Amino acid sequence: MNVKEFGEEIERIQEDIKDFSRPYSPCEYFHSREKLFREDQFKRAVDFFMDCQQKRFERKEDDAV
């Protein structure tokens, strides 16, 4: 995928995470989509996914306490 498409995919990941009711594993989220990415892009996307998801659900847990 080219740079513009990758940027759009990163934005989609961020938007998707906002709607999650629970944390997802990268395997669940990226299932069958991993082939769309170049190897270096896939690693960056997974890292971004994990970071965003951690921030989102840490805040939710903090609010519950």
Protein backbone atom coordinates (compact mmCIF):
# COMPACT_ATOMS: atom_id res chain seq x y z
CA MET A 1 0.00 0.00 0.00
CA ASN A 2 1.27 3.46 -0.75
CA VAL A 3 1.99 6.17 1.83
CA LYS A 4 -1.40 7.90 1.42
CA GLU A 5 -3.31 4.63 1.79
CA PHE A 6 -1.26 3.75 4.85
CA GLY A 7 -2.08 7.11 6.44
CA GLU A 8 -5.78 6.54 5.75
CA GLU A 9 -5.57 3.07 7.29
CA ILE A 10 -3.94 4.49 10.43
CA GLU A 11 -6.81 6.98 10.72
CA ARG A 12 -9.32 4.13 10.32
CA ILE A 13 -7.61 2.16 13.08
CA GLN A 14 -7.85 5.14 15.42
CA GLU A 15 -11.55 5.64 14.61
CA ASP A 16 -12.31 1.93 15.03
CA ILE A 17 -10.70 1.83 18.47
CA LYS A 18 -12.95 4.67 19.64
CA ASP A 19 -15.94 2.37 19.04
CA PHE A 20 -14.51 -0.75 20.72
CA SER A 21 -16.37 -1.94 23.79
CA ARG A 22 -13.43 -4.13 24.79
CA PRO A 23 -9.78 -4.54 23.81
CA TYR A 24 -9.09 -6.66 20.74
CA SER A 25 -5.99 -8.64 19.95
CA PRO A 26 -4.09 -7.67 16.81
CA CYS A 27 -5.02 -11.08 15.39
CA GLU A 28 -8.72 -10.35 15.81
CA TYR A 29 -8.50 -6.86 14.36
CA PHE A 30 -6.13 -7.45 11.46
CA HIS A 31 -7.38 -10.94 10.52
CA SER A 32 -7.04 -11.35 6.74
CA ARG A 33 -6.10 -7.67 6.34
CA GLU A 34 -2.41 -8.18 7.07
CA LYS A 35 -1.79 -8.93 3.39
CA LEU A 36 -2.73 -5.35 2.49
CA PHE A 37 0.36 -4.01 4.26
CA ARG A 38 4.03 -4.19 3.43
CA GLU A 39 5.91 -5.93 6.23
CA ASP A 40 7.31 -2.68 7.68
CA GLN A 41 3.88 -1.04 7.46
CA PHE A 42 2.19 -3.95 9.19
CA LYS A 43 4.56 -3.76 12.15
CA ARG A 44 3.98 0.00 12.43
CA ALA A 45 0.20 -0.47 12.16
CA VAL A 46 0.16 -3.13 14.89
CA ASP A 47 2.34 -0.98 17.15
CA PHE A 48 0.00 1.98 16.57
CA PHE A 49 -3.06 -0.22 17.19
CA MET A 50 -1.66 -1.53 20.48
CA ASP A 51 -0.62 1.93 21.67
CA CYS A 52 -3.98 3.55 20.86
CA GLN A 53 -5.93 0.71 22.36
CA GLN A 54 -3.87 0.75 25.54
CA LYS A 55 -4.46 4.48 25.97
CA ARG A 56 -8.19 4.13 25.35
CA PHE A 57 -8.77 1.29 27.78
CA GLU A 58 -6.44 2.60 30.46
CA ARG A 59 -8.57 5.75 30.57
CA LYS A 60 -11.76 3.70 30.76
CA GLU A 61 -10.37 1.65 33.66
CA ASP A 62 -9.20 4.81 35.44
CA ASP A 63 -12.70 6.29 35.12
CA ALA A 64 -14.26 3.18 36.65
CA VAL A 65 -12.14 3.38 39.80
